[in-house]
Amino acid sequence: MAKRPRPPAIVPNALQPGLQWYAKTYPQEAYARMLKVRSELVAEGYPKEAINAIMGKEADKWGLPHPPPLK
């Protein structure tokens, strides 16, 4: 039986240095973008606990403040 293909990475490795630069140079815009993505995930019906965990990890990864948890 053939293996299922792996899903693509969320952020390709080649883009990470540019995203790190953007997050450090424009932290307010990067934070606003993160909140917009969070709103889209909520609208699509993802569990709030999972969204909180993902946003926390992404905030740590890019050096941004943690967004307030969803309730």
PDB file of N, CA and C in Angstrom:
ATOM      1  N   MET A   1       0.848  -1.177   0.000  1.00  0.00           N
ATOM      2  CA  MET A   1       0.000   0.000   0.000  1.00  0.00           C
ATOM      3  C   MET A   1       0.894   1.242   0.000  1.00  0.00           C
ATOM      4  N   ALA A   2       0.584   2.166  -0.845  1.00  0.00           N
ATOM      5  CA  ALA A   2       1.382   3.382  -0.984  1.00  0.00           C
ATOM      6  C   ALA A   2       1.138   4.311   0.199  1.00  0.00           C
ATOM      7  N   LYS A   3       2.187   5.025   0.586  1.00  0.00           N
ATOM      8  CA  LYS A   3       2.055   5.983   1.669  1.00  0.00           C
ATOM      9  C   LYS A   3       1.289   7.209   1.187  1.00  0.00           C
ATOM     10  N   ARG A   4       0.542   7.775   2.097  1.00  0.00           N
ATOM     11  CA  ARG A   4      -0.165   9.010   1.771  1.00  0.00           C
ATOM     12  C   ARG A   4       0.859  10.128   1.656  1.00  0.00           C
ATOM     13  N   PRO A   5       0.670  11.035   0.723  1.00  0.00           N
ATOM     14  CA  PRO A   5       1.611  12.158   0.615  1.00  0.00           C
ATOM     15  C   PRO A   5       1.505  13.061   1.837  1.00  0.00           C
ATOM     16  N   ARG A   6       2.631  13.623   2.231  1.00  0.00           N
ATOM     17  CA  ARG A   6       2.646  14.533   3.363  1.00  0.00           C
ATOM     18  C   ARG A   6       2.055  15.872   2.934  1.00  0.00           C
ATOM     19  N   PRO A   7       1.307  16.499   3.821  1.00  0.00           N
ATOM     20  CA  PRO A   7       0.799  17.827   3.476  1.00  0.00           C
ATOM     21  C   PRO A   7       1.950  18.817   3.406  1.00  0.00           C
ATOM     22  N   PRO A   8       1.815  19.850   2.618  1.00  0.00           N
ATOM     23  CA  PRO A   8       2.899  20.834   2.519  1.00  0.00           C
ATOM     24  C   PRO A   8       3.096  21.563   3.839  1.00  0.00           C
ATOM     25  N   ALA A   9       4.300  22.043   4.071  1.00  0.00           N
ATOM     26  CA  ALA A   9       4.593  22.812   5.276  1.00  0.00           C
ATOM     27  C   ALA A   9       3.784  24.102   5.261  1.00  0.00           C
ATOM     28  N   ILE A  10       3.440  24.588   6.425  1.00  0.00           N
ATOM     29  CA  ILE A  10       2.670  25.820   6.506  1.00  0.00           C
ATOM     30  C   ILE A  10       3.483  26.972   5.930  1.00  0.00           C
ATOM     31  N   VAL A  11       4.742  27.046   6.312  1.00  0.00           N
ATOM     32  CA  VAL A  11       5.632  28.084   5.807  1.00  0.00           C
ATOM     33  C   VAL A  11       6.856  27.397   5.223  1.00  0.00           C
ATOM     34  N   PRO A  12       7.066  27.469   3.922  1.00  0.00           N
ATOM     35  CA  PRO A  12       8.256  26.844   3.342  1.00  0.00           C
ATOM     36  C   PRO A  12       9.527  27.420   3.956  1.00  0.00           C
ATOM     37  N   ASN A  13      10.543  26.578   4.102  1.00  0.00           N
ATOM     38  CA  ASN A  13      11.795  27.000   4.733  1.00  0.00           C
ATOM     39  C   ASN A  13      12.419  28.195   4.034  1.00  0.00           C
ATOM     40  N   ALA A  14      12.271  28.302   2.734  1.00  0.00           N
ATOM     41  CA  ALA A  14      12.873  29.412   1.994  1.00  0.00           C
ATOM     42  C   ALA A  14      12.256  30.753   2.377  1.00  0.00           C
ATOM     43  N   LEU A  15      11.019  30.765   2.866  1.00  0.00           N
ATOM     44  CA  LEU A  15      10.348  32.015   3.214  1.00  0.00           C
ATOM     45  C   LEU A  15      10.587  32.454   4.652  1.00  0.00           C
ATOM     46  N   GLN A  16      11.074  31.557   5.503  1.00  0.00           N
ATOM     47  CA  GLN A  16      11.182  31.883   6.921  1.00  0.00           C
ATOM     48  C   GLN A  16      12.083  33.078   7.222  1.00  0.00           C
ATOM     49  N   PRO A  17      13.263  33.238   6.597  1.00  0.00           N
ATOM     50  CA  PRO A  17      14.052  34.441   6.908  1.00  0.00           C
ATOM     51  C   PRO A  17      13.312  35.739   6.571  1.00  0.00           C
ATOM     52  N   GLY A  18      12.583  35.752   5.491  1.00  0.00           N
ATOM     53  CA  GLY A  18      11.811  36.938   5.129  1.00  0.00           C
ATOM     54  C   GLY A  18      10.692  37.210   6.116  1.00  0.00           C
ATOM     55  N   LEU A  19      10.045  36.155   6.590  1.00  0.00           N
ATOM     56  CA  LEU A  19       8.975  36.340   7.564  1.00  0.00           C
ATOM     57  C   LEU A  19       9.530  36.803   8.906  1.00  0.00           C
ATOM     58  N   GLN A  20      10.688  36.302   9.287  1.00  0.00           N
ATOM     59  CA  GLN A  20      11.315  36.756  10.530  1.00  0.00           C
ATOM     60  C   GLN A  20      11.657  38.245  10.427  1.00  0.00           C
ATOM     61  N   TRP A  21      12.195  38.660   9.294  1.00  0.00           N
ATOM     62  CA  TRP A  21      12.515  40.069   9.077  1.00  0.00           C
ATOM     63  C   TRP A  21      11.249  40.912   9.168  1.00  0.00           C
ATOM     64  N   TYR A  22      10.180  40.468   8.526  1.00  0.00           N
ATOM     65  CA  TYR A  22       8.916  41.214   8.529  1.00  0.00           C
ATOM     66  C   TYR A  22       8.380  41.345   9.950  1.00  0.00           C
ATOM     67  N   ALA A  23       8.415  40.250  10.714  1.00  0.00           N
ATOM     68  CA  ALA A  23       7.891  40.273  12.080  1.00  0.00           C
ATOM     69  C   ALA A  23       8.713  41.187  12.981  1.00  0.00           C
ATOM     70  N   LYS A  24      10.020  41.268  12.737  1.00  0.00           N
ATOM     71  CA  LYS A  24      10.868  42.139  13.560  1.00  0.00           C
ATOM     72  C   LYS A  24      10.793  43.594  13.102  1.00  0.00           C
ATOM     73  N   THR A  25      10.639  43.818  11.807  1.00  0.00           N
ATOM     74  CA  THR A  25      10.611  45.174  11.276  1.00  0.00           C
ATOM     75  C   THR A  25       9.232  45.818  11.442  1.00  0.00           C
ATOM     76  N   TYR A  26       8.196  45.044  11.246  1.00  0.00           N
ATOM     77  CA  TYR A  26       6.816  45.536  11.325  1.00  0.00           C
ATOM     78  C   TYR A  26       6.005  44.688  12.296  1.00  0.00           C
ATOM     79  N   PRO A  27       6.316  44.732  13.596  1.00  0.00           N
ATOM     80  CA  PRO A  27       5.634  43.839  14.545  1.00  0.00           C
ATOM     81  C   PRO A  27       4.133  44.102  14.667  1.00  0.00           C
ATOM     82  N   GLN A  28       3.708  45.352  14.544  1.00  0.00           N
ATOM     83  CA  GLN A  28       2.281  45.642  14.674  1.00  0.00           C
ATOM     84  C   GLN A  28       1.491  45.079  13.500  1.00  0.00           C
ATOM     85  N   GLU A  29       2.042  45.187  12.301  1.00  0.00           N
ATOM     86  CA  GLU A  29       1.374  44.634  11.127  1.00  0.00           C
ATOM     87  C   GLU A  29       1.352  43.104  11.177  1.00  0.00           C
ATOM     88  N   ALA A  30       2.461  42.523  11.632  1.00  0.00           N
ATOM     89  CA  ALA A  30       2.524  41.058  11.739  1.00  0.00           C
ATOM     90  C   ALA A  30       1.521  40.556  12.771  1.00  0.00           C
ATOM     91  N   TYR A  31       1.383  41.267  13.888  1.00  0.00           N
ATOM     92  CA  TYR A  31       0.418  40.885  14.914  1.00  0.00           C
ATOM     93  C   TYR A  31      -1.009  41.011  14.382  1.00  0.00           C
ATOM     94  N   ALA A  32      -1.288  42.084  13.651  1.00  0.00           N
ATOM     95  CA  ALA A  32      -2.616  42.267  13.058  1.00  0.00           C
ATOM     96  C   ALA A  32      -2.915  41.146  12.063  1.00  0.00           C
ATOM     97  N   ARG A  33      -1.904  40.756  11.300  1.00  0.00           N
ATOM     98  CA  ARG A  33      -2.081  39.665  10.339  1.00  0.00           C
ATOM     99  C   ARG A  33      -2.395  38.354  11.063  1.00  0.00           C
ATOM    100  N   MET A  34      -1.707  38.129  12.199  1.00  0.00           N
ATOM    101  CA  MET A  34      -1.947  36.918  12.978  1.00  0.00           C
ATOM    102  C   MET A  34      -3.374  36.913  13.515  1.00  0.00           C
ATOM    103  N   LEU A  35      -3.877  38.066  13.969  1.00  0.00           N
ATOM    104  CA  LEU A  35      -5.254  38.142  14.456  1.00  0.00           C
ATOM    105  C   LEU A  35      -6.257  37.904  13.329  1.00  0.00           C
ATOM    106  N   LYS A  36      -5.934  38.374  12.131  1.00  0.00           N
ATOM    107  CA  LYS A  36      -6.818  38.153  10.986  1.00  0.00           C
ATOM    108  C   LYS A  36      -6.899  36.664  10.659  1.00  0.00           C
ATOM    109  N   VAL A  37      -5.761  35.993  10.675  1.00  0.00           N
ATOM    110  CA  VAL A  37      -5.750  34.545  10.413  1.00  0.00           C
ATOM    111  C   VAL A  37      -6.544  33.823  11.491  1.00  0.00           C
ATOM    112  N   ARG A  38      -6.393  34.259  12.747  1.00  0.00           N
ATOM    113  CA  ARG A  38      -7.146  33.629  13.836  1.00  0.00           C
ATOM    114  C   ARG A  38      -8.645  33.779  13.606  1.00  0.00           C
ATOM    115  N   SER A  39      -9.073  34.956  13.173  1.00  0.00           N
ATOM    116  CA  SER A  39     -10.500  35.180  12.897  1.00  0.00           C
ATOM    117  C   SER A  39     -10.996  34.272  11.781  1.00  0.00           C
ATOM    118  N   GLU A  40     -10.166  34.074  10.771  1.00  0.00           N
ATOM    119  CA  GLU A  40     -10.544  33.186   9.667  1.00  0.00           C
ATOM    120  C   GLU A  40     -10.671  31.743  10.144  1.00  0.00           C
ATOM    121  N   LEU A  41      -9.773  31.318  11.035  1.00  0.00           N
ATOM    122  CA  LEU A  41      -9.850  29.956  11.570  1.00  0.00           C
ATOM    123  C   LEU A  41     -11.114  29.772  12.403  1.00  0.00           C
ATOM    124  N   VAL A  42     -11.476  30.785  13.181  1.00  0.00           N
ATOM    125  CA  VAL A  42     -12.706  30.722  13.978  1.00  0.00           C
ATOM    126  C   VAL A  42     -13.913  30.634  13.047  1.00  0.00           C
ATOM    127  N   ALA A  43     -13.926  31.427  11.988  1.00  0.00           N
ATOM    128  CA  ALA A  43     -15.045  31.429  11.044  1.00  0.00           C
ATOM    129  C   ALA A  43     -15.189  30.080  10.339  1.00  0.00           C
ATOM    130  N   GLU A  44     -14.068  29.392  10.149  1.00  0.00           N
ATOM    131  CA  GLU A  44     -14.122  28.083   9.493  1.00  0.00           C
ATOM    132  C   GLU A  44     -14.520  26.972  10.453  1.00  0.00           C
ATOM    133  N   GLY A  45     -14.619  27.265  11.741  1.00  0.00           N
ATOM    134  CA  GLY A  45     -15.126  26.302  12.698  1.00  0.00           C
ATOM    135  C   GLY A  45     -14.072  25.439  13.381  1.00  0.00           C
ATOM    136  N   TYR A  46     -12.835  25.850  13.372  1.00  0.00           N
ATOM    137  CA  TYR A  46     -11.801  25.088  14.073  1.00  0.00           C
ATOM    138  C   TYR A  46     -12.014  25.210  15.573  1.00  0.00           C
ATOM    139  N   PRO A  47     -11.627  24.183  16.353  1.00  0.00           N
ATOM    140  CA  PRO A  47     -11.796  24.259  17.812  1.00  0.00           C
ATOM    141  C   PRO A  47     -10.962  25.397  18.412  1.00  0.00           C
ATOM    142  N   LYS A  48     -11.564  26.120  19.336  1.00  0.00           N
ATOM    143  CA  LYS A  48     -10.892  27.288  19.921  1.00  0.00           C
ATOM    144  C   LYS A  48      -9.631  26.903  20.684  1.00  0.00           C
ATOM    145  N   GLU A  49      -9.622  25.726  21.330  1.00  0.00           N
ATOM    146  CA  GLU A  49      -8.433  25.297  22.064  1.00  0.00           C
ATOM    147  C   GLU A  49      -7.265  25.085  21.106  1.00  0.00           C
ATOM    148  N   ALA A  50      -7.551  24.516  19.949  1.00  0.00           N
ATOM    149  CA  ALA A  50      -6.504  24.282  18.949  1.00  0.00           C
ATOM    150  C   ALA A  50      -5.988  25.603  18.391  1.00  0.00           C
ATOM    151  N   ILE A  51      -6.891  26.546  18.154  1.00  0.00           N
ATOM    152  CA  ILE A  51      -6.488  27.851  17.631  1.00  0.00           C
ATOM    153  C   ILE A  51      -5.606  28.573  18.649  1.00  0.00           C
ATOM    154  N   ASN A  52      -5.986  28.516  19.934  1.00  0.00           N
ATOM    155  CA  ASN A  52      -5.172  29.155  20.972  1.00  0.00           C
ATOM    156  C   ASN A  52      -3.773  28.561  21.006  1.00  0.00           C
ATOM    157  N   ALA A  53      -3.675  27.237  20.893  1.00  0.00           N
ATOM    158  CA  ALA A  53      -2.368  26.574  20.922  1.00  0.00           C
ATOM    159  C   ALA A  53      -1.528  26.973  19.710  1.00  0.00           C
ATOM    160  N   ILE A  54      -2.139  26.974  18.538  1.00  0.00           N
ATOM    161  CA  ILE A  54      -1.415  27.324  17.306  1.00  0.00           C
ATOM    162  C   ILE A  54      -0.938  28.773  17.359  1.00  0.00           C
ATOM    163  N   MET A  55      -1.808  29.678  17.766  1.00  0.00           N
ATOM    164  CA  MET A  55      -1.435  31.094  17.807  1.00  0.00           C
ATOM    165  C   MET A  55      -0.334  31.341  18.833  1.00  0.00           C
ATOM    166  N   GLY A  56      -0.363  30.633  19.947  1.00  0.00           N
ATOM    167  CA  GLY A  56       0.695  30.775  20.936  1.00  0.00           C
ATOM    168  C   GLY A  56       2.043  30.324  20.397  1.00  0.00           C
ATOM    169  N   LYS A  57       2.041  29.193  19.687  1.00  0.00           N
ATOM    170  CA  LYS A  57       3.288  28.689  19.104  1.00  0.00           C
ATOM    171  C   LYS A  57       3.811  29.627  18.023  1.00  0.00           C
ATOM    172  N   GLU A  58       2.927  30.144  17.198  1.00  0.00           N
ATOM    173  CA  GLU A  58       3.346  31.061  16.148  1.00  0.00           C
ATOM    174  C   GLU A  58       3.864  32.378  16.739  1.00  0.00           C
ATOM    175  N   ALA A  59       3.230  32.857  17.791  1.00  0.00           N
ATOM    176  CA  ALA A  59       3.699  34.090  18.431  1.00  0.00           C
ATOM    177  C   ALA A  59       5.105  33.890  18.988  1.00  0.00           C
ATOM    178  N   ASP A  60       5.341  32.745  19.626  1.00  0.00           N
ATOM    179  CA  ASP A  60       6.679  32.447  20.143  1.00  0.00           C
ATOM    180  C   ASP A  60       7.687  32.328  19.008  1.00  0.00           C
ATOM    181  N   LYS A  61       7.282  31.679  17.946  1.00  0.00           N
ATOM    182  CA  LYS A  61       8.178  31.436  16.810  1.00  0.00           C
ATOM    183  C   LYS A  61       8.644  32.742  16.176  1.00  0.00           C
ATOM    184  N   TRP A  62       7.749  33.714  16.047  1.00  0.00           N
ATOM    185  CA  TRP A  62       8.074  34.954  15.354  1.00  0.00           C
ATOM    186  C   TRP A  62       8.386  36.097  16.310  1.00  0.00           C
ATOM    187  N   GLY A  63       8.362  35.842  17.615  1.00  0.00           N
ATOM    188  CA  GLY A  63       8.692  36.884  18.577  1.00  0.00           C
ATOM    189  C   GLY A  63       7.613  37.942  18.717  1.00  0.00           C
ATOM    190  N   LEU A  64       6.365  37.542  18.567  1.00  0.00           N
ATOM    191  CA  LEU A  64       5.240  38.473  18.672  1.00  0.00           C
ATOM    192  C   LEU A  64       4.520  38.258  20.001  1.00  0.00           C
ATOM    193  N   PRO A  65       3.759  39.235  20.477  1.00  0.00           N
ATOM    194  CA  PRO A  65       2.989  39.023  21.711  1.00  0.00           C
ATOM    195  C   PRO A  65       1.881  37.996  21.477  1.00  0.00           C
ATOM    196  N   HIS A  66       1.561  37.277  22.529  1.00  0.00           N
ATOM    197  CA  HIS A  66       0.479  36.295  22.434  1.00  0.00           C
ATOM    198  C   HIS A  66      -0.863  37.010  22.328  1.00  0.00           C
ATOM    199  N   PRO A  67      -1.713  36.563  21.410  1.00  0.00           N
ATOM    200  CA  PRO A  67      -3.057  37.158  21.341  1.00  0.00           C
ATOM    201  C   PRO A  67      -3.882  36.692  22.542  1.00  0.00           C
ATOM    202  N   PRO A  68      -4.902  37.453  22.924  1.00  0.00           N
ATOM    203  CA  PRO A  68      -5.737  37.009  24.036  1.00  0.00           C
ATOM    204  C   PRO A  68      -6.422  35.692  23.672  1.00  0.00           C
ATOM    205  N   PRO A  69      -6.525  34.783  24.648  1.00  0.00           N
ATOM    206  CA  PRO A  69      -7.138  33.480  24.340  1.00  0.00           C
ATOM    207  C   PRO A  69      -8.612  33.604  23.982  1.00  0.00           C
ATOM    208  N   LEU A  70      -9.040  32.737  23.098  1.00  0.00           N
ATOM    209  CA  LEU A  70     -10.465  32.672  22.729  1.00  0.00           C
ATOM    210  C   LEU A  70     -11.207  31.931  23.836  1.00  0.00           C
ATOM    211  N   LYS A  71     -12.423  32.343  24.100  1.00  0.00           N
ATOM    212  CA  LYS A  71     -13.219  31.674  25.132  1.00  0.00           C
ATOM    213  C   LYS A  71     -14.427  31.043  24.536  1.00  0.00           C
TER     214      LYS A  71
END
